[in-house]
Amino acid sequence: MNFVSIIFQRLLYAALLLTAVLVLNFSMMHLAPGDIADTIAQANGGADAEVMEQIREDYGLDQPFPIQLAKYVGGVLSFDLGYSFFYNQPVTTLIFEKLPATLLLVITSQLLALVVGVLLGVFSARNPKGASSYFVTLFALFGYSAPVFWTGILLLIAFSLKIPILPVAGMRDVTIEGGFFIHALDIARHMVLPVITLSSIFLALYSRLCRASMMEVLGSDYIRTAKAKGLSDAQVTYKHALKNSMSPVVTLAGIQFSAVVSGAVLVETVFSWPGLGSLALQSIVARDTPTILGILFFSALVVIVGNLLTDLVLRMIDPRVGSKG
């Protein structure tokens, strides 16, 4: 199967999966107890029976469930996710305002976890009985066992009370004036604590897995052959061993991408990061169903695209995967 066919097949699977998620989310919201019309009326200070009937008609709540579902799916296909009664603006507009902040946080955290985790794994695998190997093991145990919100709260307390050198809330300082690089540096400073918090648990996973994979590869026959040919340790490690040990790490990164997105909700709440996580929390409290559905849809889309890219990257770094179709 050629590469174009593989991409087309994966896109078809992704479209079917996204449709299934869309239908399931809408169905679960429809089955949830309570009346959305009551929530809308309460947000406006209450309403009588006539106004309640008008609200149901305006939002299509008076129609049978299959018709509501068909209209919603049709709206999503035309990039219309409905109208937020709490924020009083289109859901699509809300999401596109918040999405860049979440993507910046999630992608940066994932890249940091991968790069640092792989480097720690390689470093400890080259000396499996040394202090560095024990450090990586203890670090992985601590990072994996510590909840994301707990790590975030500790960092928030430390850098707001004990070491006030980094901003602990928001994405930018509105009082700062200057050009692009000044604002970019300000955003980078605000990103430090949320990124460290979100990447900590995944960094521990990647370092531990990379260490185990590297130790297995370094004991292979072709590695001994490469050493016998006179190649340096750096060439053997980074040119031969690392490339062949990356497949499990990349696979895990794809599997964990959904956990990164869900973890971003907690991190954004702790650090008041203005992304989809904060928007989701406020929408749940207000029971803003159209916004909640829109956030769930985009979260599923981000996860599916992330897994699709992971699959393609895995096929590029490991030709054996592509040969299996």
Protein backbone atom coordinates (compact mmCIF):
# COMPACT_ATOMS: atom_id res chain seq x y z
CA MET A 1 0.00 0.00 0.00
CA ASN A 2 1.55 3.32 -1.08
CA PHE A 3 1.83 6.38 1.14
CA VAL A 4 -1.01 8.32 -0.53
CA SER A 5 -3.41 5.40 -0.06
CA ILE A 6 -2.40 5.13 3.58
CA ILE A 7 -3.10 8.84 4.14
CA PHE A 8 -6.49 8.57 2.41
CA GLN A 9 -7.40 5.53 4.51
CA ARG A 10 -6.39 7.23 7.75
CA LEU A 11 -8.36 10.37 6.83
CA LEU A 12 -11.44 8.24 6.16
CA TYR A 13 -11.07 6.49 9.53
CA ALA A 14 -10.58 9.87 11.21
CA ALA A 15 -13.76 11.28 9.61
CA LEU A 16 -15.81 8.26 10.72
CA LEU A 17 -14.41 8.44 14.25
CA LEU A 18 -15.07 12.17 14.48
CA THR A 19 -18.66 11.65 13.33
CA ALA A 20 -19.17 8.95 15.95
CA VAL A 21 -17.77 11.24 18.67
CA LEU A 22 -20.03 14.06 17.48
CA VAL A 23 -23.17 11.90 17.66
CA LEU A 24 -22.20 10.40 21.03
CA ASN A 25 -21.49 13.80 22.62
CA PHE A 26 -24.78 15.26 21.40
CA SER A 27 -26.69 12.20 22.60
CA MET A 28 -25.09 12.32 26.06
CA MET A 29 -25.95 16.01 26.41
CA HIS A 30 -29.52 15.32 25.33
CA LEU A 31 -29.84 12.54 27.93
CA ALA A 32 -28.44 14.70 30.74
CA PRO A 33 -31.04 15.64 33.40
CA GLY A 34 -32.56 19.13 33.39
CA ASP A 35 -33.95 21.48 30.78
CA ILE A 36 -31.60 23.73 28.83
CA ALA A 37 -34.46 26.21 28.35
CA ASP A 38 -34.65 26.61 32.16
CA THR A 39 -30.92 27.37 32.27
CA ILE A 40 -31.24 30.00 29.53
CA ALA A 41 -34.25 31.56 31.28
CA GLN A 42 -32.44 31.66 34.65
CA ALA A 43 -29.46 33.36 33.01
CA ASN A 44 -31.87 36.09 31.89
CA GLY A 45 -33.56 36.46 35.26
CA GLY A 46 -36.42 33.98 34.76
CA ALA A 47 -39.34 33.71 32.34
CA ASP A 48 -42.98 32.75 32.18
CA ALA A 49 -44.43 29.77 30.27
CA GLU A 50 -44.87 31.75 27.05
CA VAL A 51 -41.30 32.97 27.01
CA MET A 52 -40.04 29.45 27.84
CA GLU A 53 -41.93 28.12 24.85
CA GLN A 54 -40.34 30.79 22.67
CA ILE A 55 -36.87 29.89 23.96
CA ARG A 56 -37.42 26.24 23.08
CA GLU A 57 -38.57 27.23 19.62
CA ASP A 58 -35.63 29.62 19.04
CA TYR A 59 -33.07 26.99 20.03
CA GLY A 60 -34.88 24.09 18.32
CA LEU A 61 -35.49 22.34 21.66
CA ASP A 62 -39.14 21.70 20.79
CA GLN A 63 -38.22 19.38 17.93
CA PRO A 64 -37.69 15.58 18.14
CA PHE A 65 -34.20 14.36 19.00
CA PRO A 66 -33.38 12.94 15.50
CA ILE A 67 -34.17 16.30 13.90
CA GLN A 68 -32.07 18.17 16.49
CA LEU A 69 -29.18 15.75 15.88
CA ALA A 70 -29.43 16.04 12.08
CA LYS A 71 -29.47 19.85 12.27
CA TYR A 72 -26.49 19.89 14.63
CA VAL A 73 -24.40 17.54 12.46
CA GLY A 74 -25.34 19.56 9.38
CA GLY A 75 -24.31 22.75 11.17
CA VAL A 76 -20.94 21.27 12.14
CA LEU A 77 -20.33 20.27 8.51
CA SER A 78 -20.86 23.93 7.58
CA PHE A 79 -18.57 25.06 10.46
CA ASP A 80 -21.53 26.28 12.55
CA LEU A 81 -21.31 24.97 16.12
CA GLY A 82 -24.31 26.88 17.37
CA TYR A 83 -24.74 30.00 19.50
CA SER A 84 -23.62 30.44 23.09
CA PHE A 85 -26.43 31.83 25.22
CA PHE A 86 -23.98 32.49 28.10
CA TYR A 87 -21.34 34.40 26.11
CA ASN A 88 -23.90 35.71 23.60
CA GLN A 89 -21.78 34.98 20.53
CA PRO A 90 -21.19 32.10 18.07
CA VAL A 91 -19.44 29.07 19.57
CA THR A 92 -17.06 28.90 16.60
CA THR A 93 -15.87 32.45 17.34
CA LEU A 94 -15.35 31.60 21.02
CA ILE A 95 -13.34 28.48 20.26
CA PHE A 96 -11.10 30.10 17.66
CA GLU A 97 -10.33 32.85 20.18
CA LYS A 98 -9.22 30.32 22.81
CA LEU A 99 -7.80 27.53 20.64
CA PRO A 100 -4.38 29.13 19.87
CA ALA A 101 -3.57 29.44 23.58
CA THR A 102 -4.42 25.79 24.24
CA LEU A 103 -2.52 24.53 21.19
CA LEU A 104 0.51 26.60 22.20
CA LEU A 105 0.45 25.09 25.68
CA VAL A 106 -0.21 21.50 24.57
CA ILE A 107 2.28 21.37 21.68
CA THR A 108 5.06 23.07 23.67
CA SER A 109 4.53 20.72 26.62
CA GLN A 110 4.51 17.64 24.39
CA LEU A 111 7.69 18.70 22.57
CA LEU A 112 9.47 19.51 25.84
CA ALA A 113 8.45 16.17 27.34
CA LEU A 114 9.62 14.27 24.25
CA VAL A 115 12.97 16.03 23.85
CA VAL A 116 13.98 16.06 27.52
CA GLY A 117 12.53 12.60 28.14
CA VAL A 118 14.44 11.06 25.23
CA LEU A 119 17.69 12.77 26.27
CA LEU A 120 17.33 11.53 29.85
CA GLY A 121 16.49 8.04 28.62
CA VAL A 122 19.53 7.90 26.32
CA PHE A 123 21.80 9.32 29.01
CA SER A 124 20.75 6.71 31.58
CA ALA A 125 20.74 3.81 29.08
CA ARG A 126 24.41 4.41 28.25
CA ASN A 127 25.24 3.88 31.94
CA PRO A 128 22.46 1.62 33.28
CA LYS A 129 24.12 0.97 36.64
CA GLY A 130 25.24 4.54 37.25
CA ALA A 131 23.75 7.32 39.34
CA SER A 132 22.10 8.85 36.26
CA SER A 133 20.05 5.70 35.68
CA TYR A 134 18.80 5.67 39.28
CA PHE A 135 17.98 9.38 38.99
CA VAL A 136 15.85 8.80 35.89
CA THR A 137 14.04 5.92 37.63
CA LEU A 138 13.24 8.02 40.71
CA PHE A 139 12.31 11.00 38.56
CA ALA A 140 9.96 8.87 36.46
CA LEU A 141 8.34 7.43 39.60
CA PHE A 142 7.79 10.87 41.11
CA GLY A 143 6.63 12.48 37.86
CA TYR A 144 4.17 9.71 37.07
CA SER A 145 2.69 9.54 40.58
CA ALA A 146 2.24 13.29 41.11
CA PRO A 147 -1.14 14.61 39.88
CA VAL A 148 -0.89 17.48 37.40
CA PHE A 149 -3.00 19.86 39.47
CA TRP A 150 -0.93 19.11 42.59
CA THR A 151 2.32 19.88 40.78
CA GLY A 152 0.77 23.06 39.39
CA ILE A 153 -0.40 24.25 42.81
CA LEU A 154 3.04 23.60 44.33
CA LEU A 155 4.72 25.60 41.57
CA LEU A 156 2.14 28.36 41.89
CA ILE A 157 2.75 28.64 45.65
CA ALA A 158 6.52 28.49 45.24
CA PHE A 159 6.76 31.14 42.53
CA SER A 160 4.10 33.45 43.95
CA LEU A 161 5.25 33.47 47.59
CA LYS A 162 8.78 32.07 47.88
CA ILE A 163 10.51 32.86 44.55
CA PRO A 164 8.46 35.58 42.79
CA ILE A 165 10.50 35.66 39.59
CA LEU A 166 7.94 34.22 37.17
CA PRO A 167 4.31 35.16 36.45
CA VAL A 168 1.86 32.65 37.89
CA ALA A 169 -1.37 33.60 36.12
CA GLY A 170 -2.58 34.56 32.68
CA MET A 171 -0.86 34.46 29.31
CA ARG A 172 0.46 38.01 28.97
CA ASP A 173 0.98 41.23 30.87
CA VAL A 174 -1.38 43.84 29.40
CA THR A 175 0.73 46.69 30.80
CA ILE A 176 3.80 45.79 28.72
CA GLU A 177 4.44 47.92 25.65
CA GLY A 178 6.77 47.11 22.80
CA GLY A 179 7.14 45.19 19.58
CA PHE A 180 6.66 41.56 18.63
CA PHE A 181 9.74 40.20 20.43
CA ILE A 182 8.84 41.96 23.70
CA HIS A 183 5.37 40.43 23.69
CA ALA A 184 6.73 37.02 22.61
CA LEU A 185 9.19 37.07 25.53
CA ASP A 186 6.38 38.01 27.90
CA ILE A 187 4.23 35.09 26.69
CA ALA A 188 7.23 32.75 27.01
CA ARG A 189 7.71 33.81 30.66
CA HIS A 190 4.03 33.15 31.37
CA MET A 191 4.34 29.72 29.71
CA VAL A 192 7.19 28.43 31.89
CA LEU A 193 5.18 27.16 34.86
CA PRO A 194 2.15 25.77 32.94
CA VAL A 195 4.42 23.97 30.46
CA ILE A 196 6.58 22.45 33.20
CA THR A 197 3.44 21.32 35.04
CA LEU A 198 1.77 19.76 32.02
CA SER A 199 4.91 18.10 30.66
CA SER A 200 6.14 16.65 33.98
CA ILE A 201 4.11 13.43 33.99
CA PHE A 202 4.69 12.72 30.28
CA LEU A 203 8.39 13.53 30.49
CA ALA A 204 8.70 10.86 33.15
CA LEU A 205 6.91 8.30 30.96
CA TYR A 206 9.01 9.05 27.87
CA SER A 207 12.32 8.98 29.74
CA ARG A 208 11.55 5.61 31.31
CA LEU A 209 10.34 4.06 28.06
CA CYS A 210 13.26 5.47 26.06
CA ARG A 211 15.70 4.09 28.62
CA ALA A 212 14.21 0.58 28.38
CA SER A 213 14.05 0.70 24.57
CA MET A 214 17.62 2.00 24.25
CA MET A 215 19.01 -0.68 26.57
CA GLU A 216 17.33 -3.36 24.46
CA VAL A 217 18.66 -1.91 21.20
CA LEU A 218 22.17 -1.36 22.57
CA GLY A 219 22.35 -5.10 23.29
CA SER A 220 21.51 -6.04 19.69
CA ASP A 221 23.91 -7.79 17.32
CA TYR A 222 24.02 -4.96 14.78
CA ILE A 223 25.10 -2.53 17.51
CA ARG A 224 28.00 -4.81 18.43
CA THR A 225 28.86 -4.99 14.73
CA ALA A 226 28.81 -1.19 14.49
CA LYS A 227 31.17 -0.94 17.47
CA ALA A 228 33.45 -3.57 15.93
CA LYS A 229 33.72 -1.42 12.79
CA GLY A 230 35.26 1.32 14.87
CA LEU A 231 32.33 3.74 15.07
CA SER A 232 32.41 6.18 17.95
CA ASP A 233 30.02 5.89 20.89
CA ALA A 234 28.13 8.98 19.70
CA GLN A 235 27.63 7.51 16.22
CA VAL A 236 26.48 4.19 17.60
CA THR A 237 24.11 5.82 20.09
CA TYR A 238 22.53 8.60 18.05
CA LYS A 239 22.83 7.35 14.47
CA HIS A 240 21.95 3.69 14.94
CA ALA A 241 20.48 2.93 18.37
CA LEU A 242 18.35 6.01 18.96
CA LYS A 243 16.57 5.84 15.60
CA ASN A 244 15.56 2.23 16.16
CA SER A 245 14.45 2.81 19.74
CA MET A 246 12.18 5.77 19.00
CA SER A 247 9.20 3.78 17.71
CA PRO A 248 7.79 2.88 21.17
CA VAL A 249 8.28 6.47 22.36
CA VAL A 250 6.50 7.98 19.34
CA THR A 251 3.69 5.45 19.70
CA LEU A 252 3.25 6.32 23.38
CA ALA A 253 3.30 10.04 22.54
CA GLY A 254 0.40 9.52 20.16
CA ILE A 255 -1.55 7.48 22.70
CA GLN A 256 -0.91 10.04 25.44
CA PHE A 257 -1.90 13.04 23.31
CA SER A 258 -5.50 12.81 24.52
CA ALA A 259 -4.22 12.84 28.12
CA VAL A 260 -2.18 15.97 27.35
CA VAL A 261 -5.31 17.73 26.06
CA SER A 262 -7.38 16.69 29.09
CA GLY A 263 -4.53 17.64 31.43
CA ALA A 264 -4.49 21.09 29.86
CA VAL A 265 -7.95 21.71 31.35
CA LEU A 266 -6.57 21.34 34.89
CA VAL A 267 -3.40 23.30 34.17
CA GLU A 268 -5.31 26.17 32.54
CA THR A 269 -7.60 26.34 35.55
CA VAL A 270 -4.71 26.45 38.04
CA PHE A 271 -2.73 29.10 36.15
CA SER A 272 -5.73 31.03 34.70
CA TRP A 273 -4.47 30.25 31.20
CA PRO A 274 -6.98 31.70 28.68
CA GLY A 275 -7.53 28.55 26.62
CA LEU A 276 -10.20 25.96 25.94
CA GLY A 277 -9.78 24.47 29.40
CA SER A 278 -10.84 27.66 31.16
CA LEU A 279 -13.64 28.13 28.64
CA ALA A 280 -14.82 24.55 29.26
CA LEU A 281 -14.92 25.01 33.03
CA GLN A 282 -16.93 28.24 32.77
CA SER A 283 -19.30 26.67 30.23
CA ILE A 284 -19.91 23.62 32.45
CA VAL A 285 -20.70 25.84 35.44
CA ALA A 286 -23.10 27.90 33.29
CA ARG A 287 -24.41 24.76 31.56
CA ASP A 288 -23.79 26.37 28.21
CA THR A 289 -24.49 23.22 26.17
CA PRO A 290 -23.59 24.57 22.68
CA THR A 291 -20.19 25.73 23.94
CA ILE A 292 -19.53 22.45 25.78
CA LEU A 293 -20.36 20.46 22.63
CA GLY A 294 -18.12 22.70 20.54
CA ILE A 295 -15.19 22.26 22.93
CA LEU A 296 -15.66 18.48 23.00
CA PHE A 297 -15.73 18.45 19.20
CA PHE A 298 -12.53 20.46 18.84
CA SER A 299 -10.80 18.45 21.57
CA ALA A 300 -11.65 15.24 19.71
CA LEU A 301 -10.44 16.83 16.47
CA VAL A 302 -7.10 17.81 18.02
CA VAL A 303 -6.61 14.30 19.46
CA ILE A 304 -7.51 12.59 16.17
CA VAL A 305 -5.20 14.85 14.15
CA GLY A 306 -2.42 14.28 16.71
CA ASN A 307 -2.79 10.51 16.45
CA LEU A 308 -2.91 10.71 12.65
CA LEU A 309 0.34 12.68 12.55
CA THR A 310 1.89 10.24 15.03
CA ASP A 311 0.99 7.33 12.76
CA LEU A 312 2.57 9.05 9.75
CA VAL A 313 5.73 9.99 11.68
CA LEU A 314 6.03 6.42 12.94
CA ARG A 315 5.88 5.12 9.37
CA MET A 316 8.64 7.53 8.34
CA ILE A 317 11.06 6.63 11.13
CA ASP A 318 10.30 2.89 11.04
CA PRO A 319 9.77 1.49 7.50
CA ARG A 320 8.72 -1.86 9.00
CA VAL A 321 5.43 -0.28 10.09
CA GLY A 322 4.62 0.82 6.53
CA SER A 323 5.42 -2.63 5.14
CA LYS A 324 2.65 -4.08 7.29
CA GLY A 325 0.05 -1.84 5.62
